[in-house]
Amino acid sequence: QVQLVESGGGLVQPGGSLRLSCAASGSGFSINTMGWYRQAPGKQRELVAAITSSGSTNAADSVKGRFAISRDNANDSVELRMSSLKPEDTAVYYCNARAKFPFWSPRDEDYWGQGTQVTVSS
């Protein structure tokens, strides 16, 4: 199995910064894409940003220019650096890994972290 452990998050004032980290543990898997999703109360879960194993990134329009995603393939980890935070960024943020487990599996599966709360408020 692929287990994702998140860290970071918390309460920050508007305009502030936060960093989220996520590391995958386990063995026998091959991760393709890692990313972050978020879900605000009463809303659907949405993609925030994602990065492939080759470094290609994708981000929601609402966070472009404010959030940056990076990845350490050697450690199967991903980081989301958030700046210029707004109250509308408040949500539970979930780490996602799209991986083959076992690594010879013909298709990817989605794995999720437990979620970490980000609250932007004065």
C-alpha atoms as a PDB file:
ATOM      1  CA  GLN A   1       0.000   0.000   0.000  1.00  0.00           C
ATOM      2  CA  VAL A   2       0.924   3.638  -0.367  1.00  0.00           C
ATOM      3  CA  GLN A   3       0.553   5.665   2.816  1.00  0.00           C
ATOM      4  CA  LEU A   4       0.675   9.438   2.707  1.00  0.00           C
ATOM      5  CA  VAL A   5       1.594  11.464   5.769  1.00  0.00           C
ATOM      6  CA  GLU A   6       0.969  15.198   5.705  1.00  0.00           C
ATOM      7  CA  SER A   7       2.375  17.975   7.846  1.00  0.00           C
ATOM      8  CA  GLY A   8       1.957  21.714   7.985  1.00  0.00           C
ATOM      9  CA  GLY A   9      -1.206  23.729   7.849  1.00  0.00           C
ATOM     10  CA  GLY A  10      -2.752  25.773  10.615  1.00  0.00           C
ATOM     11  CA  LEU A  11      -4.089  29.258  11.148  1.00  0.00           C
ATOM     12  CA  VAL A  12      -2.628  32.213   9.269  1.00  0.00           C
ATOM     13  CA  GLN A  13      -3.663  35.795   8.669  1.00  0.00           C
ATOM     14  CA  PRO A  14      -4.641  37.012   5.195  1.00  0.00           C
ATOM     15  CA  GLY A  15      -1.532  37.731   3.176  1.00  0.00           C
ATOM     16  CA  GLY A  16       0.489  35.218   5.140  1.00  0.00           C
ATOM     17  CA  SER A  17       2.320  32.083   4.070  1.00  0.00           C
ATOM     18  CA  LEU A  18       2.215  28.399   4.925  1.00  0.00           C
ATOM     19  CA  ARG A  19       3.966  25.279   3.761  1.00  0.00           C
ATOM     20  CA  LEU A  20       2.414  21.830   3.441  1.00  0.00           C
ATOM     21  CA  SER A  21       4.509  18.689   3.176  1.00  0.00           C
ATOM     22  CA  CYS A  22       3.569  15.142   2.311  1.00  0.00           C
ATOM     23  CA  ALA A  23       5.663  11.996   2.236  1.00  0.00           C
ATOM     24  CA  ALA A  24       4.741   8.591   0.876  1.00  0.00           C
ATOM     25  CA  SER A  25       5.735   5.479   2.768  1.00  0.00           C
ATOM     26  CA  GLY A  26       5.562   1.806   2.039  1.00  0.00           C
ATOM     27  CA  SER A  27       7.306  -0.222  -0.612  1.00  0.00           C
ATOM     28  CA  GLY A  28       6.772  -1.797  -3.985  1.00  0.00           C
ATOM     29  CA  PHE A  29       4.991   1.144  -5.530  1.00  0.00           C
ATOM     30  CA  SER A  30       5.730   3.570  -8.348  1.00  0.00           C
ATOM     31  CA  ILE A  31       4.323   7.064  -8.066  1.00  0.00           C
ATOM     32  CA  ASN A  32       3.404   9.004 -11.175  1.00  0.00           C
ATOM     33  CA  THR A  33       1.726  12.212 -10.057  1.00  0.00           C
ATOM     34  CA  MET A  34       1.664  13.806  -6.622  1.00  0.00           C
ATOM     35  CA  GLY A  35      -0.476  16.741  -5.728  1.00  0.00           C
ATOM     36  CA  TRP A  36      -2.725  18.631  -3.375  1.00  0.00           C
ATOM     37  CA  TYR A  37      -6.484  18.931  -3.361  1.00  0.00           C
ATOM     38  CA  ARG A  38      -8.668  20.955  -1.034  1.00  0.00           C
ATOM     39  CA  GLN A  39     -12.219  20.830   0.189  1.00  0.00           C
ATOM     40  CA  ALA A  40     -14.020  23.726   1.815  1.00  0.00           C
ATOM     41  CA  PRO A  41     -17.229  23.209   3.806  1.00  0.00           C
ATOM     42  CA  GLY A  42     -20.157  22.591   1.495  1.00  0.00           C
ATOM     43  CA  LYS A  43     -17.967  22.419  -1.599  1.00  0.00           C
ATOM     44  CA  GLN A  44     -16.531  19.655  -3.719  1.00  0.00           C
ATOM     45  CA  ARG A  45     -12.919  18.613  -3.449  1.00  0.00           C
ATOM     46  CA  GLU A  46     -10.857  20.477  -6.034  1.00  0.00           C
ATOM     47  CA  LEU A  47      -7.358  20.235  -7.434  1.00  0.00           C
ATOM     48  CA  VAL A  48      -4.950  22.827  -6.068  1.00  0.00           C
ATOM     49  CA  ALA A  49      -1.732  21.773  -7.783  1.00  0.00           C
ATOM     50  CA  ALA A  50      -0.052  18.626  -9.046  1.00  0.00           C
ATOM     51  CA  ILE A  51       3.368  17.590 -10.288  1.00  0.00           C
ATOM     52  CA  THR A  52       4.461  14.598 -12.323  1.00  0.00           C
ATOM     53  CA  SER A  53       7.585  12.542 -11.798  1.00  0.00           C
ATOM     54  CA  SER A  54       9.211  14.460 -14.659  1.00  0.00           C
ATOM     55  CA  GLY A  55       8.432  17.805 -13.023  1.00  0.00           C
ATOM     56  CA  SER A  56       5.490  18.990 -15.097  1.00  0.00           C
ATOM     57  CA  THR A  57       3.074  20.990 -12.990  1.00  0.00           C
ATOM     58  CA  ASN A  58      -0.572  21.931 -13.104  1.00  0.00           C
ATOM     59  CA  ALA A  59      -2.360  24.372 -10.821  1.00  0.00           C
ATOM     60  CA  ALA A  60      -5.781  25.854 -10.347  1.00  0.00           C
ATOM     61  CA  ASP A  61      -6.178  29.342 -11.775  1.00  0.00           C
ATOM     62  CA  SER A  62      -7.141  30.615  -8.332  1.00  0.00           C
ATOM     63  CA  VAL A  63      -3.701  29.803  -6.905  1.00  0.00           C
ATOM     64  CA  LYS A  64      -1.387  30.520  -9.823  1.00  0.00           C
ATOM     65  CA  GLY A  65       1.250  33.032  -8.853  1.00  0.00           C
ATOM     66  CA  ARG A  66       0.638  32.434  -5.143  1.00  0.00           C
ATOM     67  CA  PHE A  67       1.222  28.707  -4.597  1.00  0.00           C
ATOM     68  CA  ALA A  68       4.195  26.643  -5.713  1.00  0.00           C
ATOM     69  CA  ILE A  69       4.462  22.866  -5.774  1.00  0.00           C
ATOM     70  CA  SER A  70       7.689  20.906  -5.705  1.00  0.00           C
ATOM     71  CA  ARG A  71       8.643  17.289  -5.421  1.00  0.00           C
ATOM     72  CA  ASP A  72      11.507  15.126  -4.238  1.00  0.00           C
ATOM     73  CA  ASN A  73      11.336  11.927  -6.266  1.00  0.00           C
ATOM     74  CA  ALA A  74      14.091  10.257  -4.271  1.00  0.00           C
ATOM     75  CA  ASN A  75      12.049  10.593  -1.083  1.00  0.00           C
ATOM     76  CA  ASP A  76       8.580  10.297  -2.639  1.00  0.00           C
ATOM     77  CA  SER A  77       7.572  13.597  -1.121  1.00  0.00           C
ATOM     78  CA  VAL A  78       5.779  16.713  -2.258  1.00  0.00           C
ATOM     79  CA  GLU A  79       5.609  20.217  -0.863  1.00  0.00           C
ATOM     80  CA  LEU A  80       3.141  23.047  -1.391  1.00  0.00           C
ATOM     81  CA  ARG A  81       4.356  26.535  -0.565  1.00  0.00           C
ATOM     82  CA  MET A  82       1.449  28.916  -0.180  1.00  0.00           C
ATOM     83  CA  SER A  83       1.808  32.681  -0.068  1.00  0.00           C
ATOM     84  CA  SER A  84      -0.496  35.690  -0.234  1.00  0.00           C
ATOM     85  CA  LEU A  85      -3.146  33.529   1.388  1.00  0.00           C
ATOM     86  CA  LYS A  86      -6.752  34.614   1.214  1.00  0.00           C
ATOM     87  CA  PRO A  87      -9.757  33.699   3.363  1.00  0.00           C
ATOM     88  CA  GLU A  88     -11.123  31.749   0.401  1.00  0.00           C
ATOM     89  CA  ASP A  89      -8.107  29.436   0.619  1.00  0.00           C
ATOM     90  CA  THR A  90      -9.525  28.103   3.872  1.00  0.00           C
ATOM     91  CA  ALA A  91     -10.137  24.378   3.478  1.00  0.00           C
ATOM     92  CA  VAL A  92      -8.943  20.925   4.383  1.00  0.00           C
ATOM     93  CA  TYR A  93      -5.979  20.149   2.142  1.00  0.00           C
ATOM     94  CA  TYR A  94      -5.392  16.582   1.033  1.00  0.00           C
ATOM     95  CA  CYS A  95      -2.230  15.089  -0.368  1.00  0.00           C
ATOM     96  CA  ASN A  96      -2.764  12.814  -3.357  1.00  0.00           C
ATOM     97  CA  ALA A  97      -0.544  10.285  -5.063  1.00  0.00           C
ATOM     98  CA  ARG A  98      -1.419   8.543  -8.286  1.00  0.00           C
ATOM     99  CA  ALA A  99       0.608   5.363  -8.185  1.00  0.00           C
ATOM    100  CA  LYS A 100       1.003   1.846  -9.377  1.00  0.00           C
ATOM    101  CA  PHE A 101       0.927  -0.692  -6.556  1.00  0.00           C
ATOM    102  CA  PRO A 102       2.518  -3.096  -6.986  1.00  0.00           C
ATOM    103  CA  PHE A 103       4.842  -1.266  -9.351  1.00  0.00           C
ATOM    104  CA  TRP A 104       4.114  -3.704 -12.174  1.00  0.00           C
ATOM    105  CA  SER A 105       0.369  -2.995 -12.017  1.00  0.00           C
ATOM    106  CA  PRO A 106      -1.003  -1.896 -15.418  1.00  0.00           C
ATOM    107  CA  ARG A 107      -2.893   1.067 -14.002  1.00  0.00           C
ATOM    108  CA  ASP A 108      -2.588   3.888 -11.498  1.00  0.00           C
ATOM    109  CA  GLU A 109      -4.662   4.154  -8.337  1.00  0.00           C
ATOM    110  CA  ASP A 110      -5.364   7.232  -6.238  1.00  0.00           C
ATOM    111  CA  TYR A 111      -4.082   7.363  -2.681  1.00  0.00           C
ATOM    112  CA  TRP A 112      -4.972  10.080  -0.166  1.00  0.00           C
ATOM    113  CA  GLY A 113      -3.581  11.580   2.985  1.00  0.00           C
ATOM    114  CA  GLN A 114      -5.740  12.187   6.042  1.00  0.00           C
ATOM    115  CA  GLY A 115      -6.072  15.914   5.333  1.00  0.00           C
ATOM    116  CA  THR A 116      -4.753  18.987   7.098  1.00  0.00           C
ATOM    117  CA  GLN A 117      -6.716  22.118   7.954  1.00  0.00           C
ATOM    118  CA  VAL A 118      -5.662  25.472   6.570  1.00  0.00           C
ATOM    119  CA  THR A 119      -7.529  28.465   7.976  1.00  0.00           C
ATOM    120  CA  VAL A 120      -6.935  31.985   6.698  1.00  0.00           C
ATOM    121  CA  SER A 121      -8.491  34.502   9.036  1.00  0.00           C
ATOM    122  CA  SER A 122      -7.697  37.695  10.877  1.00  0.00           C
END
